[in-house]
Amino acid sequence: MRKNWIAYPYVVWMVIFTIIPLGLIFYYSFIVKDDSGLHFTFAHLQRVFEPLYLIVLLRSVKLAVISTLICLILGYPMAMILAERQLSRKSILVVLFVIPMWMNFLARTYAWMTLLEKKGLIASILTSIGLPALNILYTENAVMLGMVYNFLPFMVLPIYSVLSKIDKSVIEAAEDLGGTPYITFKRIIFPKSLPGVMSGIAMVFMPAVTTFVISRLLGGGQYTLIGNLIEQQFLTTRDWGFGSSLSFVLMVVILLSMGIMSKYEKESEDGGLW
């Protein structure tokens, strides 16, 4: 009974902040009200698949996938470095890596606007050494840069957590048996780190595909993503039905991607990929 009582606050939290919002999304996505009453409809959902909005959805998924891959390429080596037991002052490096996450998300994005503007710090350094100024603000590259900077820790930390728990004696045994660093990484380190890799991919892809602050500020409103479109429907045009349908489709995309990653993670744990 005591355990049941402890679970009640969590159940109430889930009902208020998860089940009810999801129910409202389903309601506004498929229900329309007119003079004759409430009617079930697919009209809002059909609008989502119009070419104009499909382009926005595909652009959002493309930028999220590219940003996730860049975070993986940059984050995995960093996680391996942090996971080294011989690394001195490792805890300090981890804290320094996490410190930017303590800052406000909006403040970090505004900081990149200052750095990337025509007369910003980066442009001034490049021109001072005789190189052309880097003018990428309000471009697609600036949006990807903002995503990578803001979400890179979400890739590094799960991988670091898994790598730091790998039994070093297994790696030493592989080396004693003549395994090269590449073979050791391919057969032991990477397969054992796949749970962290999958968690990192999910933790980066989900906020990247739904973000609207980064694209609005660093993209200058020229690169509308699905998050911006949903925000506009709820706050500007007040079309809650269409906004809910966009949210519904986005949830389906995220759930499908998570399902695919979970499948590959399970196969890797069973040895199916290796």
Protein backbone atom coordinates (compact mmCIF):
# COMPACT_ATOMS: atom_id res chain seq x y z
CA MET A 1 0.00 0.00 0.00
CA ARG A 2 2.81 2.42 0.83
CA LYS A 3 4.39 1.78 -2.56
CA ASN A 4 1.05 2.46 -4.25
CA TRP A 5 0.71 5.77 -2.41
CA ILE A 6 4.20 6.78 -3.52
CA ALA A 7 3.22 6.14 -7.15
CA TYR A 8 0.10 8.34 -7.05
CA PRO A 9 1.88 11.69 -7.55
CA TYR A 10 3.62 10.25 -10.60
CA VAL A 11 0.30 9.00 -11.99
CA VAL A 12 -1.31 12.42 -11.45
CA TRP A 13 1.67 14.08 -13.16
CA MET A 14 1.38 11.73 -16.15
CA VAL A 15 -2.36 12.34 -16.47
CA ILE A 16 -2.10 16.13 -16.32
CA PHE A 17 1.02 16.70 -18.40
CA THR A 18 0.99 13.71 -20.78
CA ILE A 19 -2.36 11.99 -21.24
CA ILE A 20 -4.54 15.11 -21.27
CA PRO A 21 -2.30 17.06 -23.72
CA LEU A 22 -2.14 14.01 -26.02
CA GLY A 23 -5.91 13.68 -25.80
CA LEU A 24 -6.32 17.34 -26.77
CA ILE A 25 -3.99 16.86 -29.76
CA PHE A 26 -6.05 13.89 -30.97
CA TYR A 27 -9.28 15.80 -30.35
CA TYR A 28 -8.34 18.91 -32.30
CA SER A 29 -6.70 16.83 -35.06
CA PHE A 30 -9.80 14.81 -35.94
CA ILE A 31 -12.76 16.79 -34.59
CA VAL A 32 -14.26 19.88 -36.25
CA LYS A 33 -17.10 21.98 -34.90
CA ASP A 34 -19.68 23.72 -37.07
CA ASP A 35 -23.27 24.90 -36.70
CA SER A 36 -24.59 21.32 -36.69
CA GLY A 37 -22.22 20.17 -33.95
CA LEU A 38 -19.04 18.13 -33.69
CA HIS A 39 -17.88 15.98 -36.60
CA PHE A 40 -15.04 13.54 -37.19
CA THR A 41 -12.78 14.69 -40.04
CA PHE A 42 -9.49 13.99 -41.79
CA ALA A 43 -9.38 17.48 -43.34
CA HIS A 44 -6.68 18.79 -40.99
CA LEU A 45 -4.56 15.71 -41.49
CA GLN A 46 -4.88 15.94 -45.26
CA ARG A 47 -3.52 19.49 -45.19
CA VAL A 48 -0.33 18.25 -43.56
CA PHE A 49 0.47 16.23 -46.69
CA GLU A 50 0.09 19.14 -49.09
CA PRO A 51 3.36 19.80 -51.00
CA LEU A 52 4.01 23.10 -49.19
CA TYR A 53 3.90 21.54 -45.72
CA LEU A 54 5.59 18.30 -46.78
CA ILE A 55 8.59 20.38 -47.86
CA VAL A 56 8.75 21.93 -44.37
CA LEU A 57 8.49 18.49 -42.73
CA LEU A 58 11.18 16.97 -44.96
CA ARG A 59 13.46 19.96 -44.40
CA SER A 60 13.06 19.57 -40.64
CA VAL A 61 13.84 15.85 -40.76
CA LYS A 62 16.82 16.46 -43.08
CA LEU A 63 18.39 19.10 -40.84
CA ALA A 64 17.72 16.98 -37.75
CA VAL A 65 19.34 13.90 -39.32
CA ILE A 66 22.40 15.85 -40.51
CA SER A 67 22.80 17.55 -37.13
CA THR A 68 22.46 14.20 -35.35
CA LEU A 69 25.13 12.63 -37.56
CA ILE A 70 27.49 15.56 -36.98
CA CYS A 71 26.90 15.29 -33.21
CA LEU A 72 27.66 11.56 -33.40
CA ILE A 73 30.86 12.09 -35.40
CA LEU A 74 32.05 14.81 -33.00
CA GLY A 75 30.62 13.36 -29.81
CA TYR A 76 31.81 9.76 -29.96
CA PRO A 77 35.56 10.57 -29.96
CA MET A 78 34.96 13.12 -27.22
CA ALA A 79 33.13 10.52 -25.15
CA MET A 80 36.01 8.07 -25.65
CA ILE A 81 38.48 10.68 -24.47
CA LEU A 82 36.43 11.42 -21.36
CA ALA A 83 36.01 7.71 -20.64
CA GLU A 84 39.76 7.09 -20.47
CA ARG A 85 40.71 6.13 -16.92
CA GLN A 86 44.24 7.46 -17.34
CA LEU A 87 42.91 10.91 -18.21
CA SER A 88 43.90 13.32 -15.47
CA ARG A 89 41.33 15.78 -14.18
CA LYS A 90 38.58 13.98 -16.10
CA SER A 91 35.87 15.28 -13.79
CA ILE A 92 36.93 18.85 -14.53
CA LEU A 93 36.66 18.23 -18.27
CA VAL A 94 33.22 16.71 -17.87
CA VAL A 95 32.06 19.72 -15.84
CA LEU A 96 33.49 22.14 -18.41
CA PHE A 97 31.66 20.25 -21.14
CA VAL A 98 28.37 20.40 -19.23
CA ILE A 99 28.63 24.04 -18.08
CA PRO A 100 27.08 25.48 -21.30
CA MET A 101 23.96 23.42 -20.58
CA TRP A 102 23.50 25.38 -17.37
CA MET A 103 22.98 28.54 -19.38
CA ASN A 104 19.62 29.53 -20.78
CA PHE A 105 18.95 27.93 -24.19
CA LEU A 106 17.80 31.25 -25.65
CA ALA A 107 20.90 33.06 -24.33
CA ARG A 108 23.20 30.50 -25.95
CA THR A 109 21.46 30.96 -29.30
CA TYR A 110 21.64 34.75 -29.07
CA ALA A 111 25.36 34.41 -28.31
CA TRP A 112 25.86 32.60 -31.62
CA MET A 113 23.99 35.40 -33.41
CA THR A 114 26.54 37.83 -31.97
CA LEU A 115 29.44 35.61 -33.02
CA LEU A 116 28.19 35.01 -36.56
CA GLU A 117 27.06 38.50 -37.52
CA LYS A 118 28.99 40.46 -40.17
CA LYS A 119 30.94 42.48 -37.60
CA GLY A 120 31.01 39.74 -34.99
CA LEU A 121 33.98 38.13 -33.28
CA ILE A 122 34.45 35.35 -35.86
CA ALA A 123 34.33 37.76 -38.80
CA SER A 124 36.76 40.13 -37.07
CA ILE A 125 39.29 37.34 -36.41
CA LEU A 126 39.11 36.09 -40.00
CA THR A 127 39.54 39.53 -41.54
CA SER A 128 42.42 40.35 -39.17
CA ILE A 129 44.43 37.41 -40.54
CA GLY A 130 43.59 38.20 -44.15
CA LEU A 131 40.78 35.67 -44.68
CA PRO A 132 37.32 36.50 -46.03
CA ALA A 133 34.62 36.99 -43.44
CA LEU A 134 32.41 33.99 -42.76
CA ASN A 135 28.88 35.09 -43.58
CA ILE A 136 26.62 32.19 -42.66
CA LEU A 137 24.15 33.94 -40.37
CA TYR A 138 20.54 33.50 -41.52
CA THR A 139 21.44 30.46 -43.58
CA GLU A 140 20.75 26.74 -43.30
CA ASN A 141 24.33 26.19 -42.15
CA ALA A 142 23.80 28.56 -39.24
CA VAL A 143 20.73 26.60 -38.18
CA MET A 144 22.70 23.33 -38.25
CA LEU A 145 25.55 24.95 -36.32
CA GLY A 146 23.12 26.06 -33.64
CA MET A 147 21.61 22.59 -33.41
CA VAL A 148 24.99 20.89 -33.13
CA TYR A 149 26.23 23.32 -30.48
CA ASN A 150 23.09 23.09 -28.34
CA PHE A 151 22.50 19.35 -28.61
CA LEU A 152 26.07 17.95 -28.71
CA PRO A 153 26.18 17.32 -24.92
CA PHE A 154 23.08 15.14 -25.27
CA MET A 155 25.11 12.89 -27.57
CA VAL A 156 28.33 12.86 -25.57
CA LEU A 157 26.99 12.18 -22.08
CA PRO A 158 25.02 8.95 -22.80
CA ILE A 159 27.92 7.50 -24.80
CA TYR A 160 30.40 8.53 -22.10
CA SER A 161 28.21 6.92 -19.42
CA VAL A 162 28.23 3.58 -21.29
CA LEU A 163 31.91 3.67 -22.29
CA SER A 164 33.03 4.40 -18.74
CA LYS A 165 31.30 1.20 -17.55
CA ILE A 166 32.93 -1.15 -20.07
CA ASP A 167 35.12 -3.73 -18.35
CA LYS A 168 38.67 -2.75 -19.27
CA SER A 169 39.87 -6.31 -18.76
CA VAL A 170 37.88 -7.35 -21.84
CA ILE A 171 39.70 -4.76 -23.93
CA GLU A 172 43.04 -5.82 -22.47
CA ALA A 173 42.24 -9.47 -23.28
CA ALA A 174 41.48 -8.56 -26.89
CA GLU A 175 44.78 -6.69 -27.15
CA ASP A 176 46.66 -9.63 -25.62
CA LEU A 177 45.12 -11.92 -28.23
CA GLY A 178 46.55 -9.76 -31.00
CA GLY A 179 43.59 -7.55 -31.72
CA THR A 180 44.51 -4.30 -33.42
CA PRO A 181 42.97 -1.06 -32.12
CA TYR A 182 40.56 -1.07 -35.09
CA ILE A 183 39.44 -4.67 -34.48
CA THR A 184 39.11 -4.04 -30.74
CA PHE A 185 36.97 -0.99 -31.41
CA LYS A 186 34.85 -2.76 -34.04
CA ARG A 187 34.25 -5.99 -32.14
CA ILE A 188 34.16 -4.85 -28.51
CA ILE A 189 34.02 -1.12 -27.82
CA PHE A 190 31.49 0.02 -30.40
CA PRO A 191 29.00 -2.88 -29.95
CA LYS A 192 29.04 -2.42 -26.17
CA SER A 193 28.53 1.34 -26.57
CA LEU A 194 25.51 1.00 -28.88
CA PRO A 195 22.95 1.55 -26.08
CA GLY A 196 24.57 4.91 -25.37
CA VAL A 197 24.77 5.71 -29.09
CA MET A 198 21.08 4.96 -29.57
CA SER A 199 20.15 7.02 -26.52
CA GLY A 200 22.29 9.90 -27.79
CA ILE A 201 20.73 9.75 -31.26
CA ALA A 202 17.24 9.84 -29.77
CA MET A 203 18.12 12.68 -27.38
CA VAL A 204 19.54 14.77 -30.22
CA PHE A 205 17.12 13.94 -33.02
CA MET A 206 13.93 14.65 -31.06
CA PRO A 207 14.74 18.23 -29.98
CA ALA A 208 16.44 18.94 -33.31
CA VAL A 209 13.40 18.00 -35.38
CA THR A 210 11.03 19.98 -33.13
CA THR A 211 13.13 23.10 -32.49
CA PHE A 212 11.81 26.50 -33.50
CA VAL A 213 13.98 28.97 -31.56
CA ILE A 214 17.20 28.09 -33.40
CA SER A 215 15.65 28.30 -36.85
CA ARG A 216 13.90 31.55 -36.01
CA LEU A 217 16.98 33.32 -34.63
CA LEU A 218 19.91 31.86 -36.60
CA GLY A 219 17.83 31.28 -39.73
CA GLY A 220 16.25 34.71 -39.59
CA GLY A 221 12.82 33.23 -40.28
CA GLN A 222 13.95 32.24 -43.78
CA TYR A 223 14.08 28.52 -42.98
CA THR A 224 10.75 27.52 -41.52
CA LEU A 225 10.85 24.17 -39.75
CA ILE A 226 7.99 22.05 -38.50
CA GLY A 227 8.40 23.51 -35.00
CA ASN A 228 7.99 27.06 -36.35
CA LEU A 229 4.92 25.99 -38.32
CA ILE A 230 3.28 24.43 -35.27
CA GLU A 231 4.05 27.53 -33.20
CA GLN A 232 2.46 29.76 -35.85
CA GLN A 233 -0.73 27.69 -35.94
CA PHE A 234 -1.25 27.91 -32.18
CA LEU A 235 -0.05 31.46 -31.46
CA THR A 236 -0.60 33.42 -34.69
CA THR A 237 -3.24 31.94 -36.99
CA ARG A 238 -5.11 30.22 -34.12
CA ASP A 239 -5.75 27.16 -36.28
CA TRP A 240 -5.52 24.60 -33.49
CA GLY A 241 -6.86 21.79 -35.66
CA PHE A 242 -4.09 22.08 -38.23
CA GLY A 243 -1.47 22.70 -35.56
CA SER A 244 -2.58 19.57 -33.71
CA SER A 245 -2.42 17.54 -36.93
CA LEU A 246 1.13 18.74 -37.53
CA SER A 247 2.01 17.73 -33.97
CA PHE A 248 0.35 14.34 -34.48
CA VAL A 249 2.33 13.61 -37.66
CA LEU A 250 5.54 14.76 -35.98
CA MET A 251 4.90 12.41 -33.05
CA VAL A 252 4.40 9.54 -35.50
CA VAL A 253 7.72 10.37 -37.21
CA ILE A 254 9.53 10.45 -33.86
CA LEU A 255 7.93 7.21 -32.65
CA LEU A 256 8.82 5.44 -35.90
CA SER A 257 12.43 6.60 -35.67
CA MET A 258 12.62 5.49 -32.03
CA GLY A 259 11.12 2.12 -32.95
CA ILE A 260 13.70 1.60 -35.68
CA MET A 261 16.54 2.53 -33.34
CA SER A 262 15.20 0.23 -30.61
CA LYS A 263 15.05 -2.63 -33.11
CA TYR A 264 18.67 -2.16 -34.16
CA GLU A 265 19.73 -1.77 -30.53
CA LYS A 266 18.07 -5.08 -29.65
CA GLU A 267 19.68 -6.81 -32.64
CA SER A 268 23.09 -5.48 -31.64
CA GLU A 269 22.65 -6.75 -28.09
CA ASP A 270 21.71 -10.18 -29.46
CA GLY A 271 24.75 -10.16 -31.74
CA GLY A 272 22.71 -9.88 -34.93
CA LEU A 273 24.66 -6.95 -36.32
CA TRP A 274 28.07 -8.42 -35.67
